[in-house]
Amino acid sequence: MTRDEYIRKNLKWPLTWEVFFLRYFFVLLIIGITINSFVSLIEKDYRESNFILFFLGLSLTLIALFRIRSERQFRLLTLNPNITFKDIRQKLDSLGWINLQTEKEKLEFLDKVCILSSGVSVTIIKYDENRILINTKPFSREPFTINRDGVNYKKIKNLLQ
């Protein structure tokens, strides 16, 4: 199964070990801190710092796992019948986004760069004749891209409908 077939079937990017280690290595560090503090608690070393480290590590792990899930997920958007896949590229160019890749059934854009972020990569894949899949994720390892995926999805939805 090719990567695009996997995306169309599961509505998310495939997660390989290579991608996980390159992009999400910090998650392993957080999980390590959490496990270390949990083991200390089990060994009846009830210091306040172990409780704090455990709950901090657990919280950061949950946040990181939520972020990984949201970065992999594609959203399905139904298009108006009069919009073709070629029209999508022209409309996204009007937003001032940088076109990174154009294929027959796939587009990739970089939204506007700001002071705190090097931009968000927006991938659009043709699902069928009337629907497209949209994914947004940080272009690099950005810690602060909270809600940019939702904002970009709404921009694209308003532009295409």
C-alpha atoms as a PDB file:
ATOM      1  CA  MET A   1       0.000   0.000   0.000  1.00  0.00           C
ATOM      2  CA  THR A   2       1.412   3.380  -0.993  1.00  0.00           C
ATOM      3  CA  ARG A   3       1.509   6.350   1.351  1.00  0.00           C
ATOM      4  CA  ASP A   4      -1.348   8.147  -0.445  1.00  0.00           C
ATOM      5  CA  GLU A   5      -3.513   5.001  -0.346  1.00  0.00           C
ATOM      6  CA  TYR A   6      -2.826   4.692   3.387  1.00  0.00           C
ATOM      7  CA  ILE A   7      -3.837   8.330   3.889  1.00  0.00           C
ATOM      8  CA  ARG A   8      -7.069   7.927   1.913  1.00  0.00           C
ATOM      9  CA  LYS A   9      -7.986   4.782   3.827  1.00  0.00           C
ATOM     10  CA  ASN A  10      -7.058   5.906   7.376  1.00  0.00           C
ATOM     11  CA  LEU A  11      -7.349   9.721   7.054  1.00  0.00           C
ATOM     12  CA  LYS A  12      -3.954  10.233   8.707  1.00  0.00           C
ATOM     13  CA  TRP A  13      -0.237  10.225   7.890  1.00  0.00           C
ATOM     14  CA  PRO A  14       1.506   6.890   8.399  1.00  0.00           C
ATOM     15  CA  LEU A  15       3.696   6.893  11.506  1.00  0.00           C
ATOM     16  CA  THR A  16       7.036   5.225  10.964  1.00  0.00           C
ATOM     17  CA  TRP A  17       9.807   4.829  13.510  1.00  0.00           C
ATOM     18  CA  GLU A  18      12.021   7.112  11.452  1.00  0.00           C
ATOM     19  CA  VAL A  19       9.469   9.930  11.494  1.00  0.00           C
ATOM     20  CA  PHE A  20       8.746   9.356  15.174  1.00  0.00           C
ATOM     21  CA  PHE A  21      12.404   9.609  16.204  1.00  0.00           C
ATOM     22  CA  LEU A  22      13.193  12.576  13.964  1.00  0.00           C
ATOM     23  CA  ARG A  23      10.131  14.645  14.820  1.00  0.00           C
ATOM     24  CA  TYR A  24       9.027  13.491  18.253  1.00  0.00           C
ATOM     25  CA  PHE A  25      12.206  12.501  20.092  1.00  0.00           C
ATOM     26  CA  PHE A  26      11.308  14.906  22.913  1.00  0.00           C
ATOM     27  CA  VAL A  27       8.295  12.710  23.718  1.00  0.00           C
ATOM     28  CA  LEU A  28      10.625   9.863  24.615  1.00  0.00           C
ATOM     29  CA  LEU A  29      12.508  12.142  27.008  1.00  0.00           C
ATOM     30  CA  ILE A  30       9.271  13.201  28.695  1.00  0.00           C
ATOM     31  CA  ILE A  31       8.111   9.591  28.971  1.00  0.00           C
ATOM     32  CA  GLY A  32      11.488   8.695  30.479  1.00  0.00           C
ATOM     33  CA  ILE A  33      11.128  11.381  33.157  1.00  0.00           C
ATOM     34  CA  THR A  34       7.597  10.184  33.902  1.00  0.00           C
ATOM     35  CA  ILE A  35       8.641   6.533  34.234  1.00  0.00           C
ATOM     36  CA  ASN A  36      11.655   7.434  36.378  1.00  0.00           C
ATOM     37  CA  SER A  37       9.553   9.470  38.814  1.00  0.00           C
ATOM     38  CA  PHE A  38       6.854   6.763  38.870  1.00  0.00           C
ATOM     39  CA  VAL A  39       9.431   4.101  39.737  1.00  0.00           C
ATOM     40  CA  SER A  40      10.715   6.332  42.535  1.00  0.00           C
ATOM     41  CA  LEU A  41       7.169   6.628  43.898  1.00  0.00           C
ATOM     42  CA  ILE A  42       6.678   2.856  43.777  1.00  0.00           C
ATOM     43  CA  GLU A  43       9.912   2.333  45.696  1.00  0.00           C
ATOM     44  CA  LYS A  44       8.293   4.305  48.524  1.00  0.00           C
ATOM     45  CA  ASP A  45      10.443   7.381  48.009  1.00  0.00           C
ATOM     46  CA  TYR A  46       7.559   9.802  48.641  1.00  0.00           C
ATOM     47  CA  ARG A  47       9.399  13.050  48.150  1.00  0.00           C
ATOM     48  CA  GLU A  48       7.411  15.996  46.909  1.00  0.00           C
ATOM     49  CA  SER A  49       9.731  16.420  43.913  1.00  0.00           C
ATOM     50  CA  ASN A  50       8.868  12.910  42.658  1.00  0.00           C
ATOM     51  CA  PHE A  51       5.152  13.695  42.740  1.00  0.00           C
ATOM     52  CA  ILE A  52       5.718  16.958  40.887  1.00  0.00           C
ATOM     53  CA  LEU A  53       7.949  15.320  38.257  1.00  0.00           C
ATOM     54  CA  PHE A  54       5.488  12.487  37.764  1.00  0.00           C
ATOM     55  CA  PHE A  55       2.453  14.725  37.231  1.00  0.00           C
ATOM     56  CA  LEU A  56       4.417  17.194  35.127  1.00  0.00           C
ATOM     57  CA  GLY A  57       5.783  14.371  32.959  1.00  0.00           C
ATOM     58  CA  LEU A  58       2.354  12.773  32.669  1.00  0.00           C
ATOM     59  CA  SER A  59       0.783  16.097  31.644  1.00  0.00           C
ATOM     60  CA  LEU A  60       3.486  16.823  29.065  1.00  0.00           C
ATOM     61  CA  THR A  61       3.209  13.283  27.684  1.00  0.00           C
ATOM     62  CA  LEU A  62      -0.551  13.648  27.196  1.00  0.00           C
ATOM     63  CA  ILE A  63      -0.097  17.034  25.510  1.00  0.00           C
ATOM     64  CA  ALA A  64       2.605  15.626  23.225  1.00  0.00           C
ATOM     65  CA  LEU A  65       0.509  12.588  22.286  1.00  0.00           C
ATOM     66  CA  PHE A  66      -2.481  14.837  21.539  1.00  0.00           C
ATOM     67  CA  ARG A  67      -0.274  17.005  19.338  1.00  0.00           C
ATOM     68  CA  ILE A  68       1.129  13.996  17.463  1.00  0.00           C
ATOM     69  CA  ARG A  69      -2.425  12.770  16.861  1.00  0.00           C
ATOM     70  CA  SER A  70      -3.605  16.168  15.609  1.00  0.00           C
ATOM     71  CA  GLU A  71      -0.577  16.606  13.313  1.00  0.00           C
ATOM     72  CA  ARG A  72      -1.211  13.224  11.666  1.00  0.00           C
ATOM     73  CA  GLN A  73      -4.972  13.646  11.215  1.00  0.00           C
ATOM     74  CA  PHE A  74      -6.534  14.714   7.896  1.00  0.00           C
ATOM     75  CA  ARG A  75      -9.866  16.509   7.687  1.00  0.00           C
ATOM     76  CA  LEU A  76     -12.319  15.709   4.932  1.00  0.00           C
ATOM     77  CA  LEU A  77     -13.857  18.688   3.113  1.00  0.00           C
ATOM     78  CA  THR A  78     -16.692  18.404   0.600  1.00  0.00           C
ATOM     79  CA  LEU A  79     -16.319  20.839  -2.295  1.00  0.00           C
ATOM     80  CA  ASN A  80     -18.924  22.628  -4.329  1.00  0.00           C
ATOM     81  CA  PRO A  81     -19.506  20.792  -7.632  1.00  0.00           C
ATOM     82  CA  ASN A  82     -18.184  23.739  -9.668  1.00  0.00           C
ATOM     83  CA  ILE A  83     -14.700  23.688  -8.024  1.00  0.00           C
ATOM     84  CA  THR A  84     -12.068  21.419  -9.542  1.00  0.00           C
ATOM     85  CA  PHE A  85      -8.798  20.322  -7.988  1.00  0.00           C
ATOM     86  CA  LYS A  86      -6.914  22.700 -10.320  1.00  0.00           C
ATOM     87  CA  ASP A  87      -8.993  25.628  -9.041  1.00  0.00           C
ATOM     88  CA  ILE A  88      -7.845  24.883  -5.488  1.00  0.00           C
ATOM     89  CA  ARG A  89      -4.222  25.740  -6.304  1.00  0.00           C
ATOM     90  CA  GLN A  90      -5.181  29.067  -7.850  1.00  0.00           C
ATOM     91  CA  LYS A  91      -7.360  29.991  -4.880  1.00  0.00           C
ATOM     92  CA  LEU A  92      -4.654  29.086  -2.352  1.00  0.00           C
ATOM     93  CA  ASP A  93      -2.121  31.153  -4.294  1.00  0.00           C
ATOM     94  CA  SER A  94      -4.397  34.142  -3.664  1.00  0.00           C
ATOM     95  CA  LEU A  95      -3.799  33.733   0.097  1.00  0.00           C
ATOM     96  CA  GLY A  96      -0.107  34.482  -0.410  1.00  0.00           C
ATOM     97  CA  TRP A  97       1.006  31.049   0.724  1.00  0.00           C
ATOM     98  CA  ILE A  98       4.170  29.497  -0.712  1.00  0.00           C
ATOM     99  CA  ASN A  99       3.600  26.519  -3.015  1.00  0.00           C
ATOM    100  CA  LEU A 100       5.989  23.769  -1.919  1.00  0.00           C
ATOM    101  CA  GLN A 101       4.744  20.915  -4.097  1.00  0.00           C
ATOM    102  CA  THR A 102       2.195  20.406  -6.866  1.00  0.00           C
ATOM    103  CA  GLU A 103       1.278  16.948  -8.099  1.00  0.00           C
ATOM    104  CA  LYS A 104      -1.690  15.549  -9.968  1.00  0.00           C
ATOM    105  CA  GLU A 105      -3.698  14.785  -6.826  1.00  0.00           C
ATOM    106  CA  LYS A 106      -1.646  16.478  -4.106  1.00  0.00           C
ATOM    107  CA  LEU A 107      -0.788  20.056  -3.153  1.00  0.00           C
ATOM    108  CA  GLU A 108       1.489  21.288  -0.405  1.00  0.00           C
ATOM    109  CA  PHE A 109       1.664  24.899   0.750  1.00  0.00           C
ATOM    110  CA  LEU A 110       3.454  26.836   3.478  1.00  0.00           C
ATOM    111  CA  ASP A 111       1.317  29.446   5.190  1.00  0.00           C
ATOM    112  CA  LYS A 112       2.648  32.854   6.176  1.00  0.00           C
ATOM    113  CA  VAL A 113       5.672  32.895   8.463  1.00  0.00           C
ATOM    114  CA  CYS A 114       5.490  34.962  11.652  1.00  0.00           C
ATOM    115  CA  ILE A 115       7.915  35.916  14.426  1.00  0.00           C
ATOM    116  CA  LEU A 116       7.161  32.882  16.621  1.00  0.00           C
ATOM    117  CA  SER A 117       6.791  30.316  13.844  1.00  0.00           C
ATOM    118  CA  SER A 118       8.496  29.257  10.637  1.00  0.00           C
ATOM    119  CA  GLY A 119       5.080  28.459   9.201  1.00  0.00           C
ATOM    120  CA  VAL A 120       2.676  25.587   8.919  1.00  0.00           C
ATOM    121  CA  SER A 121       2.718  23.071   6.094  1.00  0.00           C
ATOM    122  CA  VAL A 122      -0.734  22.565   4.557  1.00  0.00           C
ATOM    123  CA  THR A 123      -1.195  19.353   2.551  1.00  0.00           C
ATOM    124  CA  ILE A 124      -4.240  18.839   0.347  1.00  0.00           C
ATOM    125  CA  ILE A 125      -4.925  15.458  -1.228  1.00  0.00           C
ATOM    126  CA  LYS A 126      -7.730  14.671  -3.649  1.00  0.00           C
ATOM    127  CA  TYR A 127      -9.990  12.093  -1.977  1.00  0.00           C
ATOM    128  CA  ASP A 128     -12.565  11.728  -4.757  1.00  0.00           C
ATOM    129  CA  GLU A 129     -14.295  14.011  -7.264  1.00  0.00           C
ATOM    130  CA  ASN A 130     -16.108  16.174  -4.692  1.00  0.00           C
ATOM    131  CA  ARG A 131     -13.934  15.830  -1.573  1.00  0.00           C
ATOM    132  CA  ILE A 132     -10.422  16.675  -0.495  1.00  0.00           C
ATOM    133  CA  LEU A 133      -8.298  15.804   2.544  1.00  0.00           C
ATOM    134  CA  ILE A 134      -6.592  18.650   4.411  1.00  0.00           C
ATOM    135  CA  ASN A 135      -3.750  18.336   6.910  1.00  0.00           C
ATOM    136  CA  THR A 136      -1.808  21.085   8.628  1.00  0.00           C
ATOM    137  CA  LYS A 137       1.315  20.545  10.684  1.00  0.00           C
ATOM    138  CA  PRO A 138       4.304  22.663  11.708  1.00  0.00           C
ATOM    139  CA  PHE A 139       6.857  23.117   8.955  1.00  0.00           C
ATOM    140  CA  SER A 140       9.658  22.410  11.398  1.00  0.00           C
ATOM    141  CA  ARG A 141       9.755  21.546  15.095  1.00  0.00           C
ATOM    142  CA  GLU A 142       7.617  24.413  16.312  1.00  0.00           C
ATOM    143  CA  PRO A 143       6.453  24.259  19.918  1.00  0.00           C
ATOM    144  CA  PHE A 144       3.806  26.981  19.600  1.00  0.00           C
ATOM    145  CA  THR A 145       1.383  26.269  16.763  1.00  0.00           C
ATOM    146  CA  ILE A 146      -1.677  25.954  18.944  1.00  0.00           C
ATOM    147  CA  ASN A 147      -4.903  26.142  16.925  1.00  0.00           C
ATOM    148  CA  ARG A 148      -3.167  27.084  13.654  1.00  0.00           C
ATOM    149  CA  ASP A 149      -4.465  23.887  12.079  1.00  0.00           C
ATOM    150  CA  GLY A 150      -8.047  24.922  12.840  1.00  0.00           C
ATOM    151  CA  VAL A 151      -7.466  28.468  11.609  1.00  0.00           C
ATOM    152  CA  ASN A 152      -5.943  27.282   8.334  1.00  0.00           C
ATOM    153  CA  TYR A 153      -8.721  24.711   7.821  1.00  0.00           C
ATOM    154  CA  LYS A 154     -11.355  27.443   8.266  1.00  0.00           C
ATOM    155  CA  LYS A 155      -9.505  29.718   5.812  1.00  0.00           C
ATOM    156  CA  ILE A 156      -9.443  26.961   3.192  1.00  0.00           C
ATOM    157  CA  LYS A 157     -13.069  25.994   3.840  1.00  0.00           C
ATOM    158  CA  ASN A 158     -14.261  29.609   3.511  1.00  0.00           C
ATOM    159  CA  LEU A 159     -12.168  30.110   0.382  1.00  0.00           C
ATOM    160  CA  LEU A 160     -13.483  26.990  -1.357  1.00  0.00           C
ATOM    161  CA  GLN A 161     -17.147  27.195  -0.406  1.00  0.00           C
END
